[in-house]
Amino acid sequence: MQLTGAEIVVRCLQEEGVEHVFGYPGGAVLFLYDELFKQDKVKHILVRHEQGAVHAADGYARSTDKVGVALVTSGPGVTNAVTGIATAYMDSIPLVILTGQVPTHAIGQDAFQECDTVGITRPCVKHNFLVKDVKDIASTIKKAFYIAATGRPGPVVIDIPKDITTHKTEFSYPDKVSMRSYNPVVKGHAGQIRKAIQMLMSAKRPMIYTGGGVILGDASQQLAQLVRMLGFPCTNTLMGLGGYPATDPQFVGMLGMHGTYEANMAMQHCDVLLAIGARFDDRVIGNPRHFFEQPRKIIHVDIDPSSISKRVRVDIPVVGNVREVLQELIKQLQAAREKPDQAALKSWWAQIKEWRSRECLKYDRASTIIKPQFVIEKLYEVTKGDAFVTSDVGQHQMWAAQFYKFNKPRRWINSGGLGTMGVGLPYAMGVQLAHPKSTVACVTGEASIQMCIQELSTCKQYRLPVKIVNLNNKYMGMVRQWQEFFHGNRYAESYMDALPDFVKLAEAYGHVGMRVEKPADVEPALKEAFARKKDLVFLDFVTDQTENVFPMVPGGKGLSEMILV
């Protein structure tokens, strides 16, 4: 039986078990939409902007370990989607983005709504395809899902000209994929793992530093077993939060630019560092020159060989799937005769306890103005630490990372690498659709939320009961903080002096709005909001305009050069 290209695309999505496609229709993809309309296995979610489509697919993927799927039209549909694609690329999130293209005979003719999708997206995708023959659709989609989900995950774009969606061919979906040029390493080298164990056993001041690779590799259980077996301190990056339980006594908090004092000091002064699924990002270790003022040996475990020794030189590289490597590491440790130096470890923990005593996350709890940290603490209490928390980008993001204790992986959904304002609400949409019975909270700010606020309409259409926690300080908060510290208090264009009434705005979209102005009202408002199981509630918290995120490592400085107050 022969099928059209559009029918084949939909059949391929069904074969891949895709449940939701986030998209926005347009001329180049109308045949695809017609076929989606004729079936009910793959549900289409109509967003209000293509950027929201990719962000929602991204949030869906981050919270599920599935490949997120988005569908956009040609030209402006593609260019609107690029921010979402780049966001996913920076954080290694598996997506397949189907894009419409003008008919093949019109490509390169500056046709209506034409753009060079392959050229535009090449720098921010793991791979992309331009389908030129209907016979290639099925194999291309199979390859796209495989490439997106394996190795170091990432977004893959498939650009499909409109005429290809009308051409017919026989349909057969491949059972497997074999690509000579793409064979990611899965198992770590046993000899390298043995060397790593010898180095770990020799440590006097060990440290385990983990990133988003632990989450993406579904290795949280193995990480917890390893950390407890060794008795070493563990820190997570912003992207790795939840990879190790935040309430565990061996967890020293997040590290980096806004990490805890104890995490940063332990990272700076350790003598053996085990890095797992992390990339020594500039926001994590600060200035590499300062980082290497203290000598240490480094073991680096990562699926992506190009990430190893990219910013810092490591002593023992181990390339492989994080979960596979940790399982082998645990196996060899259990069989090893040597054990960690307990006397040295006891002394090291005493030093960490001293650093912890600085209480670097303290704030004025007696304030008569709502402190943003207080809101996050109450959010944690009211949700019992069991919510999916999405965030936008800025001060509110850092406070959520610092004060919401994530004990499970895939519960913290935020943009780390690209730092994209506007992701919070569409992320929450994707998460809520993936987990319809779960509690989903979007922590945002009055500047970020307005970037994709039109998605409140999508939430109404699909009855998504997201709870929006808006920490409203009438500033682009992080911009204002940097202007205060480094630009002589010149708040150039960071003040939001034309804000909407968010309560009325939420109500205009058919949702519930609540404005909270007093600290005593924070907890009751949160309890009321989360009790409304079927409603989207927009909580507009009027917070202290002068509050800053501490600790802070200034740009270009080292980990031990933190501003604490």
Protein backbone atom coordinates (compact mmCIF):
# COMPACT_ATOMS: atom_id res chain seq x y z
CA MET A 1 0.00 0.00 0.00
CA GLN A 2 1.35 3.40 -0.97
CA LEU A 3 1.12 6.34 1.43
CA THR A 4 1.72 10.04 1.01
CA GLY A 5 4.71 11.65 2.70
CA ALA A 6 2.38 13.25 5.26
CA GLU A 7 0.80 9.90 6.07
CA ILE A 8 4.25 8.35 6.44
CA VAL A 9 5.38 11.05 8.89
CA VAL A 10 2.37 10.40 11.11
CA ARG A 11 2.81 6.63 10.89
CA CYS A 12 6.47 7.02 11.87
CA LEU A 13 5.51 9.06 14.93
CA GLN A 14 3.07 6.34 15.89
CA GLU A 15 5.76 3.69 15.44
CA GLU A 16 8.05 5.67 17.76
CA GLY A 17 5.33 5.74 20.42
CA VAL A 18 5.03 9.54 20.33
CA GLU A 19 2.11 10.67 22.49
CA HIS A 20 2.26 14.45 22.10
CA VAL A 21 3.43 16.77 19.33
CA PHE A 22 3.70 20.46 20.17
CA GLY A 23 3.19 22.72 17.20
CA TYR A 24 1.66 25.56 15.23
CA PRO A 25 0.26 25.14 11.70
CA GLY A 26 1.21 26.98 8.53
CA GLY A 27 1.06 26.58 4.79
CA ALA A 28 4.07 24.31 4.37
CA VAL A 29 2.83 21.74 6.90
CA LEU A 30 -0.93 21.67 6.20
CA PHE A 31 -0.83 18.17 4.71
CA LEU A 32 0.91 16.97 7.88
CA TYR A 33 -1.77 18.63 10.01
CA ASP A 34 -4.49 17.06 7.89
CA GLU A 35 -3.09 13.61 8.62
CA LEU A 36 -2.71 14.34 12.34
CA PHE A 37 -6.36 15.37 12.34
CA LYS A 38 -7.44 12.01 10.86
CA GLN A 39 -5.98 9.92 13.72
CA ASP A 40 -6.03 9.96 17.51
CA LYS A 41 -2.90 8.06 18.60
CA VAL A 42 -0.63 11.12 18.44
CA LYS A 43 -2.17 14.14 20.15
CA HIS A 44 -1.28 17.56 18.83
CA ILE A 45 -0.93 20.42 21.33
CA LEU A 46 -1.58 23.81 19.76
CA VAL A 47 0.75 26.40 21.28
CA ARG A 48 0.51 30.13 20.60
CA HIS A 49 4.08 30.66 19.38
CA GLU A 50 6.60 28.28 17.81
CA GLN A 51 9.17 29.07 20.50
CA GLY A 52 6.64 27.79 23.03
CA ALA A 53 6.23 24.60 21.00
CA VAL A 54 9.90 23.67 21.21
CA HIS A 55 10.18 24.70 24.87
CA ALA A 56 7.12 22.58 25.73
CA ALA A 57 8.57 19.58 23.89
CA ASP A 58 11.83 20.25 25.74
CA GLY A 59 10.11 20.28 29.15
CA TYR A 60 8.28 17.10 28.21
CA ALA A 61 11.60 15.41 27.35
CA ARG A 62 13.46 16.63 30.45
CA SER A 63 10.80 15.25 32.77
CA THR A 64 10.26 11.88 31.08
CA ASP A 65 13.43 10.51 29.44
CA LYS A 66 11.46 10.46 26.17
CA VAL A 67 12.19 12.33 22.95
CA GLY A 68 10.16 15.54 22.72
CA VAL A 69 8.58 16.34 19.35
CA ALA A 70 7.68 19.71 17.83
CA LEU A 71 6.15 20.63 14.47
CA VAL A 72 6.48 24.08 12.89
CA THR A 73 6.00 25.59 9.48
CA SER A 74 8.61 27.06 7.15
CA GLY A 75 10.24 30.50 7.27
CA PRO A 76 9.15 32.43 10.38
CA GLY A 77 7.91 29.21 11.94
CA VAL A 78 11.45 27.88 11.86
CA THR A 79 13.13 31.10 12.95
CA ASN A 80 10.70 31.41 15.88
CA ALA A 81 11.68 27.87 16.88
CA VAL A 82 15.44 28.45 16.82
CA THR A 83 15.63 29.81 20.38
CA GLY A 84 13.96 26.65 21.66
CA ILE A 85 16.24 24.47 19.57
CA ALA A 86 19.37 26.25 20.83
CA THR A 87 18.11 25.99 24.42
CA ALA A 88 17.73 22.21 24.09
CA TYR A 89 21.09 21.89 22.35
CA MET A 90 22.99 23.65 25.13
CA ASP A 91 21.47 21.35 27.75
CA SER A 92 21.69 18.13 25.67
CA ILE A 93 17.96 17.48 25.51
CA PRO A 94 16.62 14.88 23.02
CA LEU A 95 14.17 16.51 20.60
CA VAL A 96 12.98 15.88 17.07
CA ILE A 97 11.75 19.05 15.38
CA LEU A 98 9.77 18.61 12.17
CA THR A 99 9.88 21.74 10.02
CA GLY A 100 7.99 22.56 6.89
CA GLN A 101 9.83 23.81 3.82
CA VAL A 102 8.73 25.35 0.53
CA PRO A 103 8.33 22.90 -2.38
CA THR A 104 11.60 21.47 -3.67
CA HIS A 105 11.41 23.36 -6.98
CA ALA A 106 11.15 26.66 -5.07
CA ILE A 107 14.07 26.11 -2.69
CA GLY A 108 16.67 28.81 -3.25
CA GLN A 109 14.22 31.05 -5.12
CA ASP A 110 13.34 33.29 -2.15
CA ALA A 111 9.89 31.79 -2.18
CA PHE A 112 7.17 32.94 0.22
CA GLN A 113 8.04 31.87 3.79
CA GLU A 114 11.34 30.29 2.75
CA CYS A 115 14.47 30.19 4.84
CA ASP A 116 17.56 28.00 4.87
CA THR A 117 16.51 25.81 7.78
CA VAL A 118 19.50 23.47 7.53
CA GLY A 119 21.94 26.39 7.44
CA ILE A 120 20.25 28.39 10.20
CA THR A 121 19.96 25.48 12.63
CA ARG A 122 23.29 23.76 11.89
CA PRO A 123 25.18 25.44 14.79
CA CYS A 124 22.53 24.52 17.38
CA VAL A 125 21.49 20.95 16.55
CA LYS A 126 23.05 17.57 17.05
CA HIS A 127 22.16 16.85 13.42
CA ASN A 128 19.71 18.01 10.77
CA PHE A 129 18.21 16.60 7.58
CA LEU A 130 16.61 18.01 4.44
CA VAL A 131 14.34 15.34 2.96
CA LYS A 132 14.48 15.43 -0.84
CA ASP A 133 12.67 12.18 -1.66
CA VAL A 134 9.53 10.76 -0.10
CA LYS A 135 11.25 7.36 0.00
CA ASP A 136 13.70 8.73 2.57
CA ILE A 137 11.15 9.97 5.12
CA ALA A 138 10.82 6.79 7.19
CA SER A 139 14.55 6.07 7.42
CA THR A 140 15.28 9.73 8.18
CA ILE A 141 12.79 9.86 11.05
CA LYS A 142 14.17 6.60 12.47
CA LYS A 143 17.70 8.03 12.34
CA ALA A 144 16.55 11.30 13.90
CA PHE A 145 15.02 9.64 16.96
CA TYR A 146 18.07 7.41 17.36
CA ILE A 147 20.55 10.28 17.09
CA ALA A 148 18.51 12.50 19.41
CA ALA A 149 18.31 9.93 22.21
CA THR A 150 21.67 8.15 22.15
CA GLY A 151 25.18 9.19 23.11
CA ARG A 152 25.10 12.77 24.30
CA PRO A 153 21.44 13.62 23.55
CA GLY A 154 20.38 16.65 21.55
CA PRO A 155 17.87 18.14 19.13
CA VAL A 156 17.57 16.88 15.56
CA VAL A 157 15.76 18.87 12.84
CA ILE A 158 14.01 17.25 9.87
CA ASP A 159 13.16 19.76 7.14
CA ILE A 160 10.40 18.47 4.83
CA PRO A 161 9.43 20.33 1.63
CA LYS A 162 5.68 20.66 1.10
CA ASP A 163 5.58 18.67 -2.13
CA ILE A 164 7.36 15.75 -0.46
CA THR A 165 4.38 15.46 1.93
CA THR A 166 2.09 14.85 -1.08
CA HIS A 167 4.25 12.37 -3.01
CA LYS A 168 3.52 8.67 -2.52
CA THR A 169 5.63 5.60 -1.85
CA GLU A 170 5.41 2.27 -0.07
CA PHE A 171 5.74 2.53 3.71
CA SER A 172 8.05 0.42 5.80
CA TYR A 173 9.46 1.59 9.12
CA PRO A 174 12.99 0.31 9.90
CA ASP A 175 13.42 -1.95 12.93
CA LYS A 176 16.86 -0.59 13.74
CA VAL A 177 19.44 1.96 12.70
CA SER A 178 23.00 1.43 11.60
CA MET A 179 25.20 4.42 10.78
CA ARG A 180 28.89 3.90 10.14
CA SER A 181 29.70 7.48 11.12
CA TYR A 182 27.80 7.42 14.42
CA ASN A 183 28.61 4.82 17.06
CA PRO A 184 28.60 6.34 20.56
CA VAL A 185 30.64 4.53 23.20
CA VAL A 186 28.51 3.02 25.95
CA LYS A 187 30.81 1.03 28.25
CA GLY A 188 33.75 2.70 29.97
CA HIS A 189 37.23 1.26 29.57
CA ALA A 190 37.81 -1.22 32.42
CA GLY A 191 41.47 -0.26 32.75
CA GLN A 192 40.63 3.42 33.10
CA ILE A 193 38.04 2.58 35.75
CA ARG A 194 40.67 0.59 37.69
CA LYS A 195 43.02 3.58 37.58
CA ALA A 196 40.17 5.80 38.78
CA ILE A 197 39.57 3.55 41.79
CA GLN A 198 43.27 3.62 42.74
CA MET A 199 43.22 7.41 42.58
CA LEU A 200 40.02 7.64 44.64
CA MET A 201 41.49 5.37 47.31
CA SER A 202 44.55 7.61 47.60
CA ALA A 203 42.48 10.75 48.21
CA LYS A 204 42.79 12.75 51.43
CA ARG A 205 40.32 15.46 50.42
CA PRO A 206 38.01 13.84 47.83
CA MET A 207 35.09 15.47 46.05
CA ILE A 208 32.36 14.13 43.74
CA TYR A 209 31.09 16.70 41.26
CA THR A 210 28.10 15.75 39.11
CA GLY A 211 26.11 17.44 36.37
CA GLY A 212 23.21 17.00 34.02
CA GLY A 213 24.73 13.86 32.56
CA VAL A 214 23.65 11.95 35.67
CA ILE A 215 20.05 13.03 35.07
CA LEU A 216 20.13 12.40 31.32
CA GLY A 217 21.84 9.04 31.83
CA ASP A 218 19.29 7.90 34.44
CA ALA A 219 22.17 7.23 36.82
CA SER A 220 20.86 8.78 40.04
CA GLN A 221 20.44 5.46 41.81
CA GLN A 222 23.98 4.39 40.93
CA LEU A 223 25.37 7.78 41.98
CA ALA A 224 23.70 7.55 45.39
CA GLN A 225 25.10 4.05 45.90
CA LEU A 226 28.60 5.17 44.96
CA VAL A 227 28.59 8.30 47.13
CA ARG A 228 27.36 6.42 50.19
CA MET A 229 29.79 3.59 49.61
CA LEU A 230 32.74 5.99 49.48
CA GLY A 231 31.55 8.43 52.16
CA PHE A 232 32.71 11.38 50.04
CA PRO A 233 31.03 14.79 49.78
CA CYS A 234 28.91 15.35 46.66
CA THR A 235 27.88 18.50 44.83
CA ASN A 236 25.53 19.01 41.88
CA THR A 237 25.60 21.64 39.16
CA LEU A 238 22.47 23.65 38.38
CA MET A 239 21.59 21.07 35.72
CA GLY A 240 22.40 18.15 38.01
CA LEU A 241 20.09 19.06 40.92
CA GLY A 242 18.09 16.03 41.99
CA GLY A 243 20.77 13.69 40.69
CA TYR A 244 21.78 13.22 44.34
CA PRO A 245 19.24 13.81 47.16
CA ALA A 246 19.51 17.39 48.42
CA THR A 247 18.50 16.43 51.97
CA ASP A 248 21.27 13.82 52.29
CA PRO A 249 24.01 14.88 54.75
CA GLN A 250 26.73 14.06 52.18
CA PHE A 251 25.28 16.66 49.80
CA VAL A 252 27.08 19.99 50.18
CA GLY A 253 24.73 21.95 47.94
CA MET A 254 24.96 23.31 44.43
CA LEU A 255 28.31 24.71 43.35
CA GLY A 256 29.27 27.50 40.99
CA MET A 257 28.49 31.17 40.55
CA HIS A 258 25.58 31.01 43.02
CA GLY A 259 26.60 27.79 44.76
CA THR A 260 27.06 27.30 48.48
CA TYR A 261 30.22 28.39 50.25
CA GLU A 262 30.94 24.83 51.38
CA ALA A 263 30.50 23.35 47.89
CA ASN A 264 32.74 25.92 46.23
CA MET A 265 35.43 25.73 48.90
CA ALA A 266 35.43 21.92 48.85
CA MET A 267 35.64 21.98 45.06
CA GLN A 268 38.55 24.42 45.17
CA HIS A 269 40.53 22.63 47.89
CA CYS A 270 39.96 18.93 47.13
CA ASP A 271 42.94 16.80 46.13
CA VAL A 272 41.02 14.23 44.03
CA LEU A 273 37.97 15.23 42.04
CA LEU A 274 35.57 12.76 40.45
CA ALA A 275 33.58 14.60 37.78
CA ILE A 276 30.53 12.72 36.46
CA GLY A 277 28.42 13.94 33.56
CA ALA A 278 29.58 17.53 33.95
CA ARG A 279 31.56 19.83 31.67
CA PHE A 280 33.47 22.27 33.93
CA ASP A 281 31.31 25.13 32.68
CA ASP A 282 32.44 28.73 33.22
CA ARG A 283 29.52 29.29 35.63
CA VAL A 284 30.63 26.24 37.62
CA ILE A 285 34.39 26.57 38.17
CA GLY A 286 34.84 30.26 37.43
CA ASN A 287 38.26 31.19 36.12
CA PRO A 288 40.19 28.00 35.13
CA ARG A 289 43.50 29.69 36.00
CA HIS A 290 42.29 30.28 39.55
CA PHE A 291 40.84 26.76 39.68
CA PHE A 292 44.27 25.26 39.02
CA GLU A 293 46.06 27.34 41.64
CA GLN A 294 45.24 24.42 43.94
CA PRO A 295 46.72 21.13 42.66
CA ARG A 296 44.33 18.23 42.32
CA LYS A 297 43.91 15.04 40.34
CA ILE A 298 40.79 14.83 38.15
CA ILE A 299 38.81 11.81 36.98
CA HIS A 300 36.23 12.72 34.35
CA VAL A 301 33.36 10.42 33.34
CA ASP A 302 31.31 11.55 30.33
CA ILE A 303 29.49 10.11 27.32
CA ASP A 304 30.93 12.85 25.10
CA PRO A 305 34.69 12.60 24.52
CA SER A 306 34.78 16.18 23.21
CA SER A 307 33.73 17.44 26.67
CA ILE A 308 36.74 15.85 28.37
CA SER A 309 39.76 18.15 28.79
CA LYS A 310 37.86 20.85 26.93
CA ARG A 311 38.19 23.56 29.59
CA VAL A 312 40.40 21.85 32.15
CA ARG A 313 42.99 19.12 31.73
CA VAL A 314 42.00 15.85 33.38
CA ASP A 315 44.20 12.97 34.56
CA ILE A 316 41.93 9.98 33.98
CA PRO A 317 39.27 10.24 31.27
CA VAL A 318 36.51 7.61 31.19
CA VAL A 319 34.29 7.79 28.11
CA GLY A 320 30.98 5.98 28.33
CA ASN A 321 27.37 6.01 29.43
CA VAL A 322 27.33 7.39 32.98
CA ARG A 323 25.09 4.65 34.37
CA GLU A 324 27.19 1.89 32.79
CA VAL A 325 30.42 3.42 34.06
CA LEU A 326 29.08 3.89 37.60
CA GLN A 327 27.82 0.32 37.70
CA GLU A 328 31.28 -0.95 36.75
CA LEU A 329 32.92 1.45 39.20
CA ILE A 330 30.70 0.15 42.01
CA LYS A 331 31.40 -3.45 41.03
CA GLN A 332 35.16 -2.94 41.09
CA LEU A 333 34.98 -0.98 44.36
CA GLN A 334 33.09 -3.81 46.03
CA ALA A 335 35.81 -6.24 44.96
CA ALA A 336 38.72 -3.93 45.86
CA ARG A 337 40.84 -4.59 48.94
CA GLU A 338 41.69 -0.95 49.48
CA LYS A 339 39.28 1.34 51.29
CA PRO A 340 39.16 5.15 51.60
CA ASP A 341 41.45 6.73 54.23
CA GLN A 342 38.93 7.14 57.05
CA ALA A 343 41.13 9.36 59.23
CA ALA A 344 41.77 11.76 56.35
CA LEU A 345 38.10 11.67 55.41
CA LYS A 346 37.06 12.53 58.96
CA SER A 347 39.39 15.54 58.95
CA TRP A 348 38.05 16.61 55.54
CA TRP A 349 34.44 16.45 56.74
CA ALA A 350 35.41 18.53 59.78
CA GLN A 351 36.70 21.22 57.44
CA ILE A 352 33.49 21.06 55.37
CA LYS A 353 31.44 21.38 58.56
CA GLU A 354 33.37 24.54 59.39
CA TRP A 355 32.60 25.97 55.93
CA ARG A 356 28.93 25.03 56.38
CA SER A 357 28.81 26.99 59.63
CA ARG A 358 29.06 30.19 57.57
CA GLU A 359 25.35 29.69 56.70
CA CYS A 360 25.84 31.27 53.32
CA LEU A 361 22.14 31.10 52.40
CA LYS A 362 20.84 33.04 55.38
CA TYR A 363 18.55 36.02 54.77
CA ASP A 364 16.44 38.47 56.79
CA ARG A 365 13.52 36.37 58.00
CA ALA A 366 12.09 39.27 60.06
CA SER A 367 11.48 41.45 57.02
CA THR A 368 8.05 43.04 56.63
CA ILE A 369 8.50 42.80 52.85
CA ILE A 370 8.20 39.40 51.19
CA LYS A 371 11.63 37.88 50.67
CA PRO A 372 11.82 35.70 47.54
CA GLN A 373 13.79 33.03 49.40
CA PHE A 374 10.91 32.76 51.88
CA VAL A 375 8.44 32.09 49.06
CA ILE A 376 10.57 29.23 47.72
CA GLU A 377 10.98 27.74 51.20
CA LYS A 378 7.22 27.79 51.66
CA LEU A 379 6.72 26.36 48.18
CA TYR A 380 8.93 23.45 49.21
CA GLU A 381 6.97 22.94 52.43
CA VAL A 382 3.52 23.19 50.86
CA THR A 383 4.40 20.78 48.03
CA LYS A 384 6.32 18.52 50.45
CA GLY A 385 9.29 18.67 48.07
CA ASP A 386 7.44 16.48 45.59
CA ALA A 387 6.53 18.95 42.83
CA PHE A 388 7.94 19.29 39.36
CA VAL A 389 9.44 22.77 39.42
CA THR A 390 10.13 24.64 36.20
CA SER A 391 11.78 28.01 36.18
CA ASP A 392 12.58 30.90 33.93
CA VAL A 393 16.00 32.55 34.05
CA GLY A 394 17.24 35.08 36.55
CA GLN A 395 17.34 35.62 40.29
CA HIS A 396 14.19 33.56 40.82
CA GLN A 397 15.90 30.62 39.08
CA MET A 398 18.85 30.75 41.45
CA TRP A 399 16.65 31.07 44.55
CA ALA A 400 14.62 28.07 43.41
CA ALA A 401 17.85 26.09 42.90
CA GLN A 402 19.16 27.11 46.32
CA PHE A 403 16.03 26.75 48.46
CA TYR A 404 13.92 23.98 46.92
CA LYS A 405 15.47 20.69 48.00
CA PHE A 406 15.31 18.34 45.03
CA ASN A 407 15.57 14.72 46.14
CA LYS A 408 14.55 13.14 42.83
CA PRO A 409 15.87 13.48 39.28
CA ARG A 410 13.88 15.15 36.49
CA ARG A 411 11.94 17.33 38.95
CA TRP A 412 13.96 20.51 38.30
CA ILE A 413 13.36 21.82 34.78
CA ASN A 414 15.30 24.93 33.79
CA SER A 415 17.50 26.41 31.08
CA GLY A 416 21.12 26.15 32.19
CA GLY A 417 23.42 26.50 29.20
CA LEU A 418 21.62 29.12 27.10
CA GLY A 419 19.84 30.83 29.99
CA THR A 420 16.64 31.44 28.05
CA MET A 421 14.06 33.78 29.56
CA GLY A 422 10.51 32.68 28.79
CA VAL A 423 10.99 28.92 29.11
CA GLY A 424 9.23 28.46 32.44
CA LEU A 425 5.58 28.41 31.37
CA PRO A 426 5.97 26.26 28.21
CA TYR A 427 8.26 23.93 30.17
CA ALA A 428 5.48 23.58 32.74
CA MET A 429 2.99 22.80 29.96
CA GLY A 430 5.14 19.99 28.65
CA VAL A 431 5.72 18.61 32.13
CA GLN A 432 2.03 18.76 33.07
CA LEU A 433 1.01 16.92 29.89
CA ALA A 434 3.65 14.27 30.57
CA HIS A 435 2.56 13.94 34.21
CA PRO A 436 -1.14 14.88 34.31
CA LYS A 437 -1.68 13.81 37.91
CA SER A 438 1.44 15.50 39.30
CA THR A 439 1.93 18.91 40.89
CA VAL A 440 3.72 21.34 38.57
CA ALA A 441 4.94 24.76 39.69
CA CYS A 442 6.52 27.40 37.46
CA VAL A 443 8.84 29.77 39.33
CA THR A 444 9.26 32.94 37.32
CA GLY A 445 9.76 36.69 37.41
CA GLU A 446 7.72 39.54 36.00
CA ALA A 447 10.18 40.03 33.12
CA SER A 448 10.58 36.38 32.11
CA ILE A 449 6.91 35.42 32.29
CA GLN A 450 5.94 38.04 29.73
CA MET A 451 8.15 36.51 27.05
CA CYS A 452 5.87 33.51 26.51
CA ILE A 453 2.81 34.63 28.45
CA GLN A 454 0.56 33.91 25.47
CA GLU A 455 0.87 30.24 26.41
CA LEU A 456 -1.68 30.91 29.15
CA SER A 457 -4.11 30.43 26.29
CA THR A 458 -2.70 26.97 25.57
CA CYS A 459 -3.03 26.10 29.26
CA LYS A 460 -6.70 27.10 29.12
CA GLN A 461 -7.41 25.07 26.00
CA TYR A 462 -5.88 21.89 27.42
CA ARG A 463 -6.90 22.51 31.05
CA LEU A 464 -3.35 22.44 32.43
CA PRO A 465 -3.49 23.24 36.18
CA VAL A 466 0.00 24.70 36.45
CA LYS A 467 0.74 26.91 39.45
CA ILE A 468 2.72 30.02 38.50
CA VAL A 469 4.86 31.51 41.28
CA ASN A 470 5.81 34.99 40.10
CA LEU A 471 8.52 36.63 42.24
CA ASN A 472 7.68 40.18 41.23
CA ASN A 473 10.31 42.78 42.16
CA LYS A 474 9.54 45.12 39.23
CA TYR A 475 13.07 44.67 37.88
CA MET A 476 14.94 42.38 35.55
CA GLY A 477 16.38 41.13 38.80
CA MET A 478 19.67 39.56 37.78
CA VAL A 479 20.41 42.40 35.37
CA ARG A 480 19.78 44.88 38.21
CA GLN A 481 22.04 42.88 40.55
CA TRP A 482 24.94 43.00 38.09
CA GLN A 483 24.32 46.71 37.48
CA GLU A 484 24.46 47.30 41.24
CA PHE A 485 27.69 45.34 41.69
CA PHE A 486 29.60 46.21 38.53
CA HIS A 487 27.99 49.24 36.86
CA GLY A 488 27.81 51.83 39.63
CA ASN A 489 24.10 51.35 40.40
CA ARG A 490 23.16 52.57 36.92
CA TYR A 491 20.01 50.58 36.29
CA ALA A 492 19.97 50.98 32.53
CA GLU A 493 16.69 49.60 31.13
CA SER A 494 16.31 47.01 33.89
CA TYR A 495 13.35 48.63 35.62
CA MET A 496 9.94 47.32 34.59
CA ASP A 497 7.76 50.44 34.98
CA ALA A 498 4.84 49.38 32.78
CA LEU A 499 3.84 46.05 34.26
CA PRO A 500 0.39 44.58 33.69
CA ASP A 501 -1.97 43.64 36.49
CA PHE A 502 -1.06 39.96 36.48
CA VAL A 503 -4.20 38.99 38.40
CA LYS A 504 -6.47 40.58 35.81
CA LEU A 505 -4.31 39.22 33.00
CA ALA A 506 -4.61 35.67 34.34
CA GLU A 507 -8.36 36.14 34.72
CA ALA A 508 -8.59 37.47 31.15
CA TYR A 509 -7.16 34.14 29.96
CA GLY A 510 -9.74 32.31 32.06
CA HIS A 511 -7.48 31.40 34.99
CA VAL A 512 -7.29 32.28 38.69
CA GLY A 513 -5.11 35.22 39.77
CA MET A 514 -3.89 36.01 43.29
CA ARG A 515 -1.78 38.96 44.44
CA VAL A 516 0.23 38.49 47.64
CA GLU A 517 1.88 41.45 49.38
CA LYS A 518 2.54 40.38 53.00
CA PRO A 519 4.86 37.65 54.34
CA ALA A 520 2.06 36.31 56.54
CA ASP A 521 -0.08 35.67 53.46
CA VAL A 522 2.53 33.65 51.54
CA GLU A 523 1.84 30.22 52.99
CA PRO A 524 -1.99 30.54 53.00
CA ALA A 525 -1.93 31.70 49.37
CA LEU A 526 0.24 28.77 48.31
CA LYS A 527 -1.97 26.30 50.16
CA GLU A 528 -5.09 27.72 48.55
CA ALA A 529 -3.51 27.64 45.10
CA PHE A 530 -2.33 24.04 45.31
CA ALA A 531 -5.69 22.96 46.73
CA ARG A 532 -7.26 24.03 43.43
CA LYS A 533 -6.32 20.85 41.62
CA LYS A 534 -8.05 21.67 38.35
CA ASP A 535 -7.14 25.35 38.01
CA LEU A 536 -4.15 27.24 36.72
CA VAL A 537 -3.38 29.74 39.47
CA PHE A 538 -1.16 32.77 38.86
CA LEU A 539 0.39 33.82 42.19
CA ASP A 540 1.86 37.32 41.95
CA PHE A 541 4.17 37.75 44.96
CA VAL A 542 5.29 41.36 45.48
CA THR A 543 8.86 40.86 46.72
CA ASP A 544 11.76 42.95 47.99
CA GLN A 545 13.20 44.95 45.09
CA THR A 546 16.66 45.21 46.67
CA GLU A 547 17.25 41.51 47.41
CA ASN A 548 20.28 39.93 45.72
CA VAL A 549 21.34 36.32 45.17
CA PHE A 550 24.20 35.26 47.44
CA PRO A 551 26.73 33.71 47.40
CA MET A 552 28.00 35.09 44.12
CA VAL A 553 31.24 34.45 42.24
CA PRO A 554 31.79 37.51 40.02
CA GLY A 555 32.50 36.83 36.37
CA GLY A 556 36.16 36.08 35.75
CA LYS A 557 36.84 35.33 39.42
CA GLY A 558 37.62 32.03 41.10
CA LEU A 559 35.47 29.74 43.21
CA SER A 560 36.92 30.92 46.51
CA GLU A 561 36.41 34.59 45.61
CA MET A 562 32.75 34.63 46.55
CA ILE A 563 30.68 37.61 47.61
CA LEU A 564 28.73 36.34 50.62
CA VAL A 565 26.65 39.38 51.67
